[in-house]
mmCIF file of all heavy atoms, coordinates in Angstrom:
data_MODEL
# 
_entry.id   MODEL 
# 
loop_
_atom_site.group_PDB 
_atom_site.id 
_atom_site.type_symbol 
_atom_site.label_atom_id 
_atom_site.label_alt_id 
_atom_site.label_comp_id 
_atom_site.label_asym_id 
_atom_site.label_entity_id 
_atom_site.label_seq_id 
_atom_site.pdbx_PDB_ins_code 
_atom_site.Cartn_x 
_atom_site.Cartn_y 
_atom_site.Cartn_z 
_atom_site.occupancy 
_atom_site.B_iso_or_equiv 
_atom_site.pdbx_formal_charge 
_atom_site.auth_seq_id 
_atom_site.auth_comp_id 
_atom_site.auth_asym_id 
_atom_site.auth_atom_id 
_atom_site.pdbx_PDB_model_num 
ATOM 1   N N   . ASP A 1 1  ? 141.618 100.336 77.071 1.00 0.00 ? 1  ASP A N   1 
ATOM 2   C CA  . ASP A 1 1  ? 140.248 99.912  76.792 1.00 0.00 ? 1  ASP A CA  1 
ATOM 3   C C   . ASP A 1 1  ? 139.980 100.005 75.293 1.00 0.00 ? 1  ASP A C   1 
ATOM 4   O O   . ASP A 1 1  ? 140.651 100.755 74.572 1.00 0.00 ? 1  ASP A O   1 
ATOM 5   C CB  . ASP A 1 1  ? 139.240 100.768 77.561 1.00 0.00 ? 1  ASP A CB  1 
ATOM 6   C CG  . ASP A 1 1  ? 139.260 102.216 77.109 1.00 0.00 ? 1  ASP A CG  1 
ATOM 7   O OD1 . ASP A 1 1  ? 140.059 102.987 77.659 1.00 0.00 ? 1  ASP A OD1 1 
ATOM 8   O OD2 . ASP A 1 1  ? 138.492 102.559 76.195 1.00 0.00 ? 1  ASP A OD2 1 
ATOM 9   N N   . PRO A 1 2  ? 139.023 99.218  74.770 1.00 0.00 ? 2  PRO A N   1 
ATOM 10  C CA  . PRO A 1 2  ? 138.814 99.142  73.312 1.00 0.00 ? 2  PRO A CA  1 
ATOM 11  C C   . PRO A 1 2  ? 138.519 100.477 72.648 1.00 0.00 ? 2  PRO A C   1 
ATOM 12  O O   . PRO A 1 2  ? 138.992 100.733 71.544 1.00 0.00 ? 2  PRO A O   1 
ATOM 13  C CB  . PRO A 1 2  ? 137.619 98.186  73.191 1.00 0.00 ? 2  PRO A CB  1 
ATOM 14  C CG  . PRO A 1 2  ? 137.699 97.332  74.417 1.00 0.00 ? 2  PRO A CG  1 
ATOM 15  C CD  . PRO A 1 2  ? 138.199 98.240  75.504 1.00 0.00 ? 2  PRO A CD  1 
ATOM 16  N N   . LEU A 1 3  ? 137.748 101.360 73.298 1.00 0.00 ? 3  LEU A N   1 
ATOM 17  C CA  . LEU A 1 3  ? 137.435 102.646 72.687 1.00 0.00 ? 3  LEU A CA  1 
ATOM 18  C C   . LEU A 1 3  ? 138.704 103.471 72.488 1.00 0.00 ? 3  LEU A C   1 
ATOM 19  O O   . LEU A 1 3  ? 138.927 104.044 71.417 1.00 0.00 ? 3  LEU A O   1 
ATOM 20  C CB  . LEU A 1 3  ? 136.437 103.423 73.547 1.00 0.00 ? 3  LEU A CB  1 
ATOM 21  C CG  . LEU A 1 3  ? 136.067 104.828 73.026 1.00 0.00 ? 3  LEU A CG  1 
ATOM 22  C CD1 . LEU A 1 3  ? 135.404 104.734 71.659 1.00 0.00 ? 3  LEU A CD1 1 
ATOM 23  C CD2 . LEU A 1 3  ? 135.160 105.549 74.014 1.00 0.00 ? 3  LEU A CD2 1 
ATOM 24  N N   . ASN A 1 4  ? 139.553 103.513 73.511 1.00 0.00 ? 4  ASN A N   1 
ATOM 25  C CA  . ASN A 1 4  ? 140.789 104.265 73.381 1.00 0.00 ? 4  ASN A CA  1 
ATOM 26  C C   . ASN A 1 4  ? 141.749 103.617 72.395 1.00 0.00 ? 4  ASN A C   1 
ATOM 27  O O   . ASN A 1 4  ? 142.525 104.307 71.729 1.00 0.00 ? 4  ASN A O   1 
ATOM 28  C CB  . ASN A 1 4  ? 141.462 104.417 74.747 1.00 0.00 ? 4  ASN A CB  1 
ATOM 29  C CG  . ASN A 1 4  ? 140.731 105.403 75.640 1.00 0.00 ? 4  ASN A CG  1 
ATOM 30  O OD1 . ASN A 1 4  ? 140.096 106.332 75.163 1.00 0.00 ? 4  ASN A OD1 1 
ATOM 31  N ND2 . ASN A 1 4  ? 140.800 105.197 76.939 1.00 0.00 ? 4  ASN A ND2 1 
ATOM 32  N N   . HIS A 1 5  ? 141.732 102.303 72.295 1.00 0.00 ? 5  HIS A N   1 
ATOM 33  C CA  . HIS A 1 5  ? 142.554 101.635 71.288 1.00 0.00 ? 5  HIS A CA  1 
ATOM 34  C C   . HIS A 1 5  ? 142.204 102.128 69.900 1.00 0.00 ? 5  HIS A C   1 
ATOM 35  O O   . HIS A 1 5  ? 143.081 102.311 69.042 1.00 0.00 ? 5  HIS A O   1 
ATOM 36  C CB  . HIS A 1 5  ? 142.346 100.123 71.363 1.00 0.00 ? 5  HIS A CB  1 
ATOM 37  C CG  . HIS A 1 5  ? 143.188 99.466  72.394 1.00 0.00 ? 5  HIS A CG  1 
ATOM 38  N ND1 . HIS A 1 5  ? 143.243 98.102  72.549 1.00 0.00 ? 5  HIS A ND1 1 
ATOM 39  C CD2 . HIS A 1 5  ? 144.036 99.976  73.330 1.00 0.00 ? 5  HIS A CD2 1 
ATOM 40  C CE1 . HIS A 1 5  ? 144.081 97.799  73.532 1.00 0.00 ? 5  HIS A CE1 1 
ATOM 41  N NE2 . HIS A 1 5  ? 144.562 98.918  74.019 1.00 0.00 ? 5  HIS A NE2 1 
ATOM 42  N N   . ASP A 1 6  ? 140.935 102.367 69.664 1.00 0.00 ? 6  ASP A N   1 
ATOM 43  C CA  . ASP A 1 6  ? 140.494 102.827 68.347 1.00 0.00 ? 6  ASP A CA  1 
ATOM 44  C C   . ASP A 1 6  ? 140.780 104.313 68.151 1.00 0.00 ? 6  ASP A C   1 
ATOM 45  O O   . ASP A 1 6  ? 141.308 104.725 67.120 1.00 0.00 ? 6  ASP A O   1 
ATOM 46  C CB  . ASP A 1 6  ? 139.000 102.545 68.183 1.00 0.00 ? 6  ASP A CB  1 
ATOM 47  C CG  . ASP A 1 6  ? 138.463 103.062 66.862 1.00 0.00 ? 6  ASP A CG  1 
ATOM 48  O OD1 . ASP A 1 6  ? 139.155 102.902 65.843 1.00 0.00 ? 6  ASP A OD1 1 
ATOM 49  O OD2 . ASP A 1 6  ? 137.374 103.646 66.846 1.00 0.00 ? 6  ASP A OD2 1 
ATOM 50  N N   . LEU A 1 7  ? 140.439 105.137 69.139 1.00 0.00 ? 7  LEU A N   1 
ATOM 51  C CA  . LEU A 1 7  ? 140.539 106.580 68.959 1.00 0.00 ? 7  LEU A CA  1 
ATOM 52  C C   . LEU A 1 7  ? 141.971 107.095 69.088 1.00 0.00 ? 7  LEU A C   1 
ATOM 53  O O   . LEU A 1 7  ? 142.295 108.158 68.543 1.00 0.00 ? 7  LEU A O   1 
ATOM 54  C CB  . LEU A 1 7  ? 139.651 107.293 69.974 1.00 0.00 ? 7  LEU A CB  1 
ATOM 55  C CG  . LEU A 1 7  ? 138.144 107.112 69.805 1.00 0.00 ? 7  LEU A CG  1 
ATOM 56  C CD1 . LEU A 1 7  ? 137.382 107.838 70.898 1.00 0.00 ? 7  LEU A CD1 1 
ATOM 57  C CD2 . LEU A 1 7  ? 137.684 107.602 68.442 1.00 0.00 ? 7  LEU A CD2 1 
ATOM 58  N N   . MET A 1 8  ? 142.812 106.382 69.825 1.00 0.00 ? 8  MET A N   1 
ATOM 59  C CA  . MET A 1 8  ? 144.184 106.854 70.032 1.00 0.00 ? 8  MET A CA  1 
ATOM 60  C C   . MET A 1 8  ? 145.184 105.747 69.673 1.00 0.00 ? 8  MET A C   1 
ATOM 61  O O   . MET A 1 8  ? 145.817 105.141 70.546 1.00 0.00 ? 8  MET A O   1 
ATOM 62  C CB  . MET A 1 8  ? 144.368 107.323 71.468 1.00 0.00 ? 8  MET A CB  1 
ATOM 63  C CG  . MET A 1 8  ? 143.548 108.554 71.782 1.00 0.00 ? 8  MET A CG  1 
ATOM 64  S SD  . MET A 1 8  ? 143.928 109.300 73.388 1.00 0.00 ? 8  MET A SD  1 
ATOM 65  C CE  . MET A 1 8  ? 143.228 108.081 74.492 1.00 0.00 ? 8  MET A CE  1 
ATOM 66  N N   . PRO A 1 9  ? 145.351 105.488 68.372 1.00 0.00 ? 9  PRO A N   1 
ATOM 67  C CA  . PRO A 1 9  ? 146.213 104.381 67.945 1.00 0.00 ? 9  PRO A CA  1 
ATOM 68  C C   . PRO A 1 9  ? 147.677 104.769 67.738 1.00 0.00 ? 9  PRO A C   1 
ATOM 69  O O   . PRO A 1 9  ? 148.399 104.081 67.045 1.00 0.00 ? 9  PRO A O   1 
ATOM 70  C CB  . PRO A 1 9  ? 145.567 103.983 66.609 1.00 0.00 ? 9  PRO A CB  1 
ATOM 71  C CG  . PRO A 1 9  ? 145.069 105.275 66.048 1.00 0.00 ? 9  PRO A CG  1 
ATOM 72  C CD  . PRO A 1 9  ? 144.605 106.086 67.250 1.00 0.00 ? 9  PRO A CD  1 
ATOM 73  N N   . TYR A 1 10 ? 148.126 105.885 68.359 1.00 0.00 ? 10 TYR A N   1 
ATOM 74  C CA  . TYR A 1 10 ? 149.450 106.402 68.029 1.00 0.00 ? 10 TYR A CA  1 
ATOM 75  C C   . TYR A 1 10 ? 150.593 105.475 68.434 1.00 0.00 ? 10 TYR A C   1 
ATOM 76  O O   . TYR A 1 10 ? 151.694 105.584 67.907 1.00 0.00 ? 10 TYR A O   1 
ATOM 77  C CB  . TYR A 1 10 ? 149.671 107.793 68.624 1.00 0.00 ? 10 TYR A CB  1 
ATOM 78  C CG  . TYR A 1 10 ? 149.372 107.943 70.097 1.00 0.00 ? 10 TYR A CG  1 
ATOM 79  C CD1 . TYR A 1 10 ? 150.284 107.549 71.067 1.00 0.00 ? 10 TYR A CD1 1 
ATOM 80  C CD2 . TYR A 1 10 ? 148.178 108.516 70.516 1.00 0.00 ? 10 TYR A CD2 1 
ATOM 81  C CE1 . TYR A 1 10 ? 150.015 107.706 72.410 1.00 0.00 ? 10 TYR A CE1 1 
ATOM 82  C CE2 . TYR A 1 10 ? 147.902 108.691 71.863 1.00 0.00 ? 10 TYR A CE2 1 
ATOM 83  C CZ  . TYR A 1 10 ? 148.820 108.276 72.810 1.00 0.00 ? 10 TYR A CZ  1 
ATOM 84  O OH  . TYR A 1 10 ? 148.546 108.439 74.145 1.00 0.00 ? 10 TYR A OH  1 
ATOM 85  N N   . ASP A 1 11 ? 150.404 104.567 69.389 1.00 0.00 ? 11 ASP A N   1 
ATOM 86  C CA  . ASP A 1 11 ? 151.469 103.613 69.714 1.00 0.00 ? 11 ASP A CA  1 
ATOM 87  C C   . ASP A 1 11 ? 150.981 102.175 69.538 1.00 0.00 ? 11 ASP A C   1 
ATOM 88  O O   . ASP A 1 11 ? 151.406 101.264 70.233 1.00 0.00 ? 11 ASP A O   1 
ATOM 89  C CB  . ASP A 1 11 ? 151.998 103.842 71.132 1.00 0.00 ? 11 ASP A CB  1 
ATOM 90  C CG  . ASP A 1 11 ? 150.930 103.679 72.217 1.00 0.00 ? 11 ASP A CG  1 
ATOM 91  O OD1 . ASP A 1 11 ? 149.726 103.642 71.882 1.00 0.00 ? 11 ASP A OD1 1 
ATOM 92  O OD2 . ASP A 1 11 ? 151.298 103.593 73.402 1.00 0.00 ? 11 ASP A OD2 1 
ATOM 93  N N   . ARG A 1 12 ? 150.109 101.986 68.543 1.00 0.00 ? 12 ARG A N   1 
ATOM 94  C CA  . ARG A 1 12 ? 149.567 100.646 68.255 1.00 0.00 ? 12 ARG A CA  1 
ATOM 95  C C   . ARG A 1 12 ? 150.614 99.755  67.608 1.00 0.00 ? 12 ARG A C   1 
ATOM 96  O O   . ARG A 1 12 ? 150.697 98.557  67.888 1.00 0.00 ? 12 ARG A O   1 
ATOM 97  C CB  . ARG A 1 12 ? 148.351 100.788 67.329 1.00 0.00 ? 12 ARG A CB  1 
ATOM 98  C CG  . ARG A 1 12 ? 147.761 99.475  66.863 1.00 0.00 ? 12 ARG A CG  1 
ATOM 99  C CD  . ARG A 1 12 ? 146.559 99.722  65.981 1.00 0.00 ? 12 ARG A CD  1 
ATOM 100 N NE  . ARG A 1 12 ? 146.889 100.553 64.827 1.00 0.00 ? 12 ARG A NE  1 
ATOM 101 C CZ  . ARG A 1 12 ? 146.003 100.999 63.948 1.00 0.00 ? 12 ARG A CZ  1 
ATOM 102 N NH1 . ARG A 1 12 ? 144.716 100.713 64.117 1.00 0.00 ? 12 ARG A NH1 1 
ATOM 103 N NH2 . ARG A 1 12 ? 146.367 101.728 62.926 1.00 0.00 ? 12 ARG A NH2 1 
ATOM 104 N N   . VAL A 1 13 ? 151.415 100.319 66.706 1.00 0.00 ? 13 VAL A N   1 
ATOM 105 C CA  . VAL A 1 13 ? 152.487 99.580  66.025 1.00 0.00 ? 13 VAL A CA  1 
ATOM 106 C C   . VAL A 1 13 ? 153.716 100.476 65.972 1.00 0.00 ? 13 VAL A C   1 
ATOM 107 O O   . VAL A 1 13 ? 153.662 101.670 66.283 1.00 0.00 ? 13 VAL A O   1 
ATOM 108 C CB  . VAL A 1 13 ? 152.086 99.165  64.587 1.00 0.00 ? 13 VAL A CB  1 
ATOM 109 C CG1 . VAL A 1 13 ? 150.908 98.208  64.591 1.00 0.00 ? 13 VAL A CG1 1 
ATOM 110 C CG2 . VAL A 1 13 ? 151.793 100.388 63.725 1.00 0.00 ? 13 VAL A CG2 1 
ATOM 111 N N   . PHE A 1 14 ? 154.843 99.917  65.573 1.00 0.00 ? 14 PHE A N   1 
ATOM 112 C CA  . PHE A 1 14 ? 156.011 100.747 65.311 1.00 0.00 ? 14 PHE A CA  1 
ATOM 113 C C   . PHE A 1 14 ? 155.691 101.728 64.187 1.00 0.00 ? 14 PHE A C   1 
ATOM 114 O O   . PHE A 1 14 ? 155.014 101.388 63.218 1.00 0.00 ? 14 PHE A O   1 
ATOM 115 C CB  . PHE A 1 14 ? 157.200 99.879  64.895 1.00 0.00 ? 14 PHE A CB  1 
ATOM 116 C CG  . PHE A 1 14 ? 157.777 99.059  66.002 1.00 0.00 ? 14 PHE A CG  1 
ATOM 117 C CD1 . PHE A 1 14 ? 157.609 97.686  66.022 1.00 0.00 ? 14 PHE A CD1 1 
ATOM 118 C CD2 . PHE A 1 14 ? 158.496 99.650  67.021 1.00 0.00 ? 14 PHE A CD2 1 
ATOM 119 C CE1 . PHE A 1 14 ? 158.146 96.919  67.045 1.00 0.00 ? 14 PHE A CE1 1 
ATOM 120 C CE2 . PHE A 1 14 ? 159.048 98.895  68.049 1.00 0.00 ? 14 PHE A CE2 1 
ATOM 121 C CZ  . PHE A 1 14 ? 158.874 97.529  68.069 1.00 0.00 ? 14 PHE A CZ  1 
ATOM 122 N N   . GLU A 1 15 ? 156.188 102.956 64.325 1.00 0.00 ? 15 GLU A N   1 
ATOM 123 C CA  . GLU A 1 15 ? 155.953 104.000 63.321 1.00 0.00 ? 15 GLU A CA  1 
ATOM 124 C C   . GLU A 1 15 ? 157.308 104.524 62.832 1.00 0.00 ? 15 GLU A C   1 
ATOM 125 O O   . GLU A 1 15 ? 157.803 105.545 63.291 1.00 0.00 ? 15 GLU A O   1 
ATOM 126 C CB  . GLU A 1 15 ? 155.109 105.136 63.910 1.00 0.00 ? 15 GLU A CB  1 
ATOM 127 C CG  . GLU A 1 15 ? 153.714 104.720 64.359 1.00 0.00 ? 15 GLU A CG  1 
ATOM 128 C CD  . GLU A 1 15 ? 152.743 104.490 63.203 1.00 0.00 ? 15 GLU A CD  1 
ATOM 129 O OE1 . GLU A 1 15 ? 153.192 104.516 62.045 1.00 0.00 ? 15 GLU A OE1 1 
ATOM 130 O OE2 . GLU A 1 15 ? 151.546 104.296 63.471 1.00 0.00 ? 15 GLU A OE2 1 
ATOM 131 N N   . PRO A 1 16 ? 157.952 103.821 61.889 1.00 0.00 ? 16 PRO A N   1 
ATOM 132 C CA  . PRO A 1 16 ? 159.303 104.200 61.476 1.00 0.00 ? 16 PRO A CA  1 
ATOM 133 C C   . PRO A 1 16 ? 159.321 105.461 60.615 1.00 0.00 ? 16 PRO A C   1 
ATOM 134 O O   . PRO A 1 16 ? 158.333 105.838 59.985 1.00 0.00 ? 16 PRO A O   1 
ATOM 135 C CB  . PRO A 1 16 ? 159.775 102.998 60.638 1.00 0.00 ? 16 PRO A CB  1 
ATOM 136 C CG  . PRO A 1 16 ? 158.758 101.920 60.860 1.00 0.00 ? 16 PRO A CG  1 
ATOM 137 C CD  . PRO A 1 16 ? 157.490 102.601 61.231 1.00 0.00 ? 16 PRO A CD  1 
ATOM 138 N N   . ILE A 1 17 ? 160.485 106.101 60.613 1.00 0.00 ? 17 ILE A N   1 
ATOM 139 C CA  . ILE A 1 17 ? 160.814 107.126 59.624 1.00 0.00 ? 17 ILE A CA  1 
ATOM 140 C C   . ILE A 1 17 ? 162.148 106.739 59.003 1.00 0.00 ? 17 ILE A C   1 
ATOM 141 O O   . ILE A 1 17 ? 162.868 105.888 59.546 1.00 0.00 ? 17 ILE A O   1 
ATOM 142 C CB  . ILE A 1 17 ? 160.898 108.538 60.238 1.00 0.00 ? 17 ILE A CB  1 
ATOM 143 C CG1 . ILE A 1 17 ? 162.034 108.610 61.262 1.00 0.00 ? 17 ILE A CG1 1 
ATOM 144 C CG2 . ILE A 1 17 ? 159.565 108.929 60.865 1.00 0.00 ? 17 ILE A CG2 1 
ATOM 145 C CD1 . ILE A 1 17 ? 162.417 110.004 61.684 1.00 0.00 ? 17 ILE A CD1 1 
ATOM 146 N N   . VAL A 1 18 ? 162.499 107.353 57.872 1.00 0.00 ? 18 VAL A N   1 
ATOM 147 C CA  . VAL A 1 18 ? 163.744 107.011 57.178 1.00 0.00 ? 18 VAL A CA  1 
ATOM 148 C C   . VAL A 1 18 ? 164.453 108.280 56.746 1.00 0.00 ? 18 VAL A C   1 
ATOM 149 O O   . VAL A 1 18 ? 163.849 109.180 56.147 1.00 0.00 ? 18 VAL A O   1 
ATOM 150 C CB  . VAL A 1 18 ? 163.472 106.122 55.945 1.00 0.00 ? 18 VAL A CB  1 
ATOM 151 C CG1 . VAL A 1 18 ? 164.762 105.882 55.160 1.00 0.00 ? 18 VAL A CG1 1 
ATOM 152 C CG2 . VAL A 1 18 ? 162.865 104.783 56.361 1.00 0.00 ? 18 VAL A CG2 1 
ATOM 153 N N   . LEU A 1 19 ? 165.751 108.361 57.070 1.00 0.00 ? 19 LEU A N   1 
ATOM 154 C CA  . LEU A 1 19 ? 166.661 109.376 56.555 1.00 0.00 ? 19 LEU A CA  1 
ATOM 155 C C   . LEU A 1 19 ? 167.837 108.659 55.925 1.00 0.00 ? 19 LEU A C   1 
ATOM 156 O O   . LEU A 1 19 ? 168.582 107.954 56.623 1.00 0.00 ? 19 LEU A O   1 
ATOM 157 C CB  . LEU A 1 19 ? 167.181 110.290 57.669 1.00 0.00 ? 19 LEU A CB  1 
ATOM 158 C CG  . LEU A 1 19 ? 166.297 111.406 58.217 1.00 0.00 ? 19 LEU A CG  1 
ATOM 159 C CD1 . LEU A 1 19 ? 167.058 112.172 59.292 1.00 0.00 ? 19 LEU A CD1 1 
ATOM 160 C CD2 . LEU A 1 19 ? 165.846 112.346 57.121 1.00 0.00 ? 19 LEU A CD2 1 
ATOM 161 N N   . GLY A 1 20 ? 168.011 108.791 54.610 1.00 0.00 ? 20 GLY A N   1 
ATOM 162 C CA  . GLY A 1 20 ? 169.120 108.126 53.941 1.00 0.00 ? 20 GLY A CA  1 
ATOM 163 C C   . GLY A 1 20 ? 169.056 106.620 54.124 1.00 0.00 ? 20 GLY A C   1 
ATOM 164 O O   . GLY A 1 20 ? 168.022 105.993 53.881 1.00 0.00 ? 20 GLY A O   1 
ATOM 165 N N   . ASN A 1 21 ? 170.138 106.034 54.595 1.00 0.00 ? 21 ASN A N   1 
ATOM 166 C CA  . ASN A 1 21 ? 170.208 104.586 54.773 1.00 0.00 ? 21 ASN A CA  1 
ATOM 167 C C   . ASN A 1 21 ? 169.814 104.139 56.177 1.00 0.00 ? 21 ASN A C   1 
ATOM 168 O O   . ASN A 1 21 ? 170.057 102.989 56.536 1.00 0.00 ? 21 ASN A O   1 
ATOM 169 C CB  . ASN A 1 21 ? 171.629 104.087 54.472 1.00 0.00 ? 21 ASN A CB  1 
ATOM 170 C CG  . ASN A 1 21 ? 171.964 104.198 52.999 1.00 0.00 ? 21 ASN A CG  1 
ATOM 171 O OD1 . ASN A 1 21 ? 171.098 104.033 52.143 1.00 0.00 ? 21 ASN A OD1 1 
ATOM 172 N ND2 . ASN A 1 21 ? 173.224 104.478 52.700 1.00 0.00 ? 21 ASN A ND2 1 
ATOM 173 N N   . ARG A 1 22 ? 169.206 105.032 56.958 1.00 0.00 ? 22 ARG A N   1 
ATOM 174 C CA  . ARG A 1 22 ? 168.847 104.686 58.328 1.00 0.00 ? 22 ARG A CA  1 
ATOM 175 C C   . ARG A 1 22 ? 167.350 104.818 58.569 1.00 0.00 ? 22 ARG A C   1 
ATOM 176 O O   . ARG A 1 22 ? 166.728 105.776 58.134 1.00 0.00 ? 22 ARG A O   1 
ATOM 177 C CB  . ARG A 1 22 ? 169.606 105.573 59.319 1.00 0.00 ? 22 ARG A CB  1 
ATOM 178 C CG  . ARG A 1 22 ? 171.093 105.272 59.408 1.00 0.00 ? 22 ARG A CG  1 
ATOM 179 C CD  . ARG A 1 22 ? 171.791 106.214 60.383 1.00 0.00 ? 22 ARG A CD  1 
ATOM 180 N NE  . ARG A 1 22 ? 173.185 105.836 60.587 1.00 0.00 ? 22 ARG A NE  1 
ATOM 181 C CZ  . ARG A 1 22 ? 174.191 106.206 59.803 1.00 0.00 ? 22 ARG A CZ  1 
ATOM 182 N NH1 . ARG A 1 22 ? 173.938 106.976 58.751 1.00 0.00 ? 22 ARG A NH1 1 
ATOM 183 N NH2 . ARG A 1 22 ? 175.422 105.818 60.056 1.00 0.00 ? 22 ARG A NH2 1 
ATOM 184 N N   . MET A 1 23 ? 166.823 103.835 59.265 1.00 0.00 ? 23 MET A N   1 
ATOM 185 C CA  . MET A 1 23 ? 165.440 103.854 59.721 1.00 0.00 ? 23 MET A CA  1 
ATOM 186 C C   . MET A 1 23 ? 165.448 104.058 61.233 1.00 0.00 ? 23 MET A C   1 
ATOM 187 O O   . MET A 1 23 ? 166.303 103.509 61.927 1.00 0.00 ? 23 MET A O   1 
ATOM 188 C CB  . MET A 1 23 ? 164.739 102.535 59.378 1.00 0.00 ? 23 MET A CB  1 
ATOM 189 C CG  . MET A 1 23 ? 163.307 102.424 59.862 1.00 0.00 ? 23 MET A CG  1 
ATOM 190 S SD  . MET A 1 23 ? 162.667 100.734 59.684 1.00 0.00 ? 23 MET A SD  1 
ATOM 191 C CE  . MET A 1 23 ? 162.927 100.459 57.942 1.00 0.00 ? 23 MET A CE  1 
ATOM 192 N N   . PHE A 1 24 ? 164.479 104.827 61.741 1.00 0.00 ? 24 PHE A N   1 
ATOM 193 C CA  . PHE A 1 24 ? 164.416 105.127 63.168 1.00 0.00 ? 24 PHE A CA  1 
ATOM 194 C C   . PHE A 1 24 ? 163.049 104.734 63.710 1.00 0.00 ? 24 PHE A C   1 
ATOM 195 O O   . PHE A 1 24 ? 162.024 105.119 63.150 1.00 0.00 ? 24 PHE A O   1 
ATOM 196 C CB  . PHE A 1 24 ? 164.680 106.613 63.412 1.00 0.00 ? 24 PHE A CB  1 
ATOM 197 C CG  . PHE A 1 24 ? 165.956 107.097 62.771 1.00 0.00 ? 24 PHE A CG  1 
ATOM 198 C CD1 . PHE A 1 24 ? 165.929 107.676 61.505 1.00 0.00 ? 24 PHE A CD1 1 
ATOM 199 C CD2 . PHE A 1 24 ? 167.173 106.947 63.408 1.00 0.00 ? 24 PHE A CD2 1 
ATOM 200 C CE1 . PHE A 1 24 ? 167.100 108.108 60.897 1.00 0.00 ? 24 PHE A CE1 1 
ATOM 201 C CE2 . PHE A 1 24 ? 168.353 107.376 62.814 1.00 0.00 ? 24 PHE A CE2 1 
ATOM 202 C CZ  . PHE A 1 24 ? 168.312 107.959 61.552 1.00 0.00 ? 24 PHE A CZ  1 
# 
C-alpha cells in the first residue's frame, strides 16, 4: 500500500555494496 511504500522503502530498489572489484 502507498503508505508502507513510503515508510518502509528498504526493498524499493537494489541496494548494492562494494568490496574491492566486486559489487553485491
